[in-house]
Amino acid sequence: MKRSGNIVADIKAAVDPANYDLTRAEGRADFDDALRAEISRRAPDDEKLRRHAGDMLGMWRRELFWVEDQG
């Protein structure tokens, strides 16, 4: 089945890391919760797509957190 669109780009646009204090554990947890909610909302019946999107967003998340840790 061919899928159209770019779920990862759509989620990145919907969940702006600037809205979260990534220097605090609570802010990171809130950011993670928002990402998970968007993944579930956009692919409620497609476990494989949710898993792949989660993996790709996980890489983005680690990059963001690393920058915050270095800042």
Protein backbone atom coordinates (compact mmCIF):
# COMPACT_ATOMS: atom_id res chain seq x y z
CA MET A 1 0.00 0.00 0.00
CA LYS A 2 1.47 3.35 -1.05
CA ARG A 3 1.14 6.16 1.45
CA SER A 4 1.07 9.81 0.51
CA GLY A 5 2.23 12.78 2.54
CA ASN A 6 5.00 13.06 5.06
CA ILE A 7 3.80 12.19 8.54
CA VAL A 8 7.13 13.08 10.15
CA ALA A 9 7.23 16.57 8.61
CA ASP A 10 3.59 17.09 9.56
CA ILE A 11 4.26 16.11 13.17
CA LYS A 12 7.36 18.30 13.35
CA ALA A 13 5.24 21.21 12.14
CA ALA A 14 2.52 20.48 14.71
CA VAL A 15 4.77 19.94 17.74
CA ASP A 16 7.09 22.94 18.04
CA PRO A 17 9.97 22.25 20.45
CA ALA A 18 10.14 25.98 21.18
CA ASN A 19 6.91 25.52 23.15
CA TYR A 20 8.63 23.21 25.64
CA ASP A 21 11.40 23.77 28.17
CA LEU A 22 13.75 21.05 26.97
CA THR A 23 16.24 21.91 29.73
CA ARG A 24 13.89 20.33 32.30
CA ALA A 25 12.79 16.72 32.62
CA GLU A 26 9.15 17.83 32.82
CA GLY A 27 9.46 19.82 29.59
CA ARG A 28 11.04 16.87 27.80
CA ALA A 29 8.31 14.55 29.07
CA ASP A 30 5.62 16.97 27.87
CA PHE A 31 7.33 17.18 24.46
CA ASP A 32 7.48 13.36 24.25
CA ASP A 33 3.79 13.13 25.19
CA ALA A 34 2.88 15.62 22.45
CA LEU A 35 4.88 13.67 19.86
CA ARG A 36 3.23 10.39 20.87
CA ALA A 37 -0.23 11.96 20.74
CA GLU A 38 0.39 13.31 17.23
CA ILE A 39 1.70 9.96 16.00
CA SER A 40 -1.37 8.19 17.37
CA ARG A 41 -3.73 10.81 15.97
CA ARG A 42 -2.24 10.68 12.47
CA ALA A 43 -1.89 6.89 12.19
CA PRO A 44 -4.38 5.36 14.62
CA ASP A 45 -4.74 2.05 12.77
CA ASP A 46 -1.26 1.61 11.30
CA GLU A 47 1.20 0.15 13.82
CA LYS A 48 4.00 -0.10 11.26
CA LEU A 49 3.68 3.56 10.26
CA ARG A 50 3.54 4.64 13.93
CA ARG A 51 6.70 2.64 14.64
CA HIS A 52 8.63 4.09 11.70
CA ALA A 53 7.48 7.63 12.44
CA GLY A 54 8.43 7.13 16.09
CA ASP A 55 11.91 5.98 15.10
CA MET A 56 12.45 8.99 12.85
CA LEU A 57 11.06 11.42 15.41
CA GLY A 58 13.24 9.76 18.05
CA MET A 59 16.33 10.76 16.07
CA TRP A 60 15.03 14.35 15.85
CA ARG A 61 14.29 14.30 19.59
CA ARG A 62 17.82 13.13 20.44
CA GLU A 63 19.29 15.91 18.25
CA LEU A 64 17.14 18.51 20.00
CA PHE A 65 17.96 17.23 23.48
CA TRP A 66 21.67 17.03 22.69
CA VAL A 67 21.69 20.67 21.57
CA GLU A 68 19.89 21.68 24.77
CA ASP A 69 22.37 19.68 26.87
CA GLN A 70 25.33 21.35 25.10
CA GLY A 71 23.80 24.84 25.37
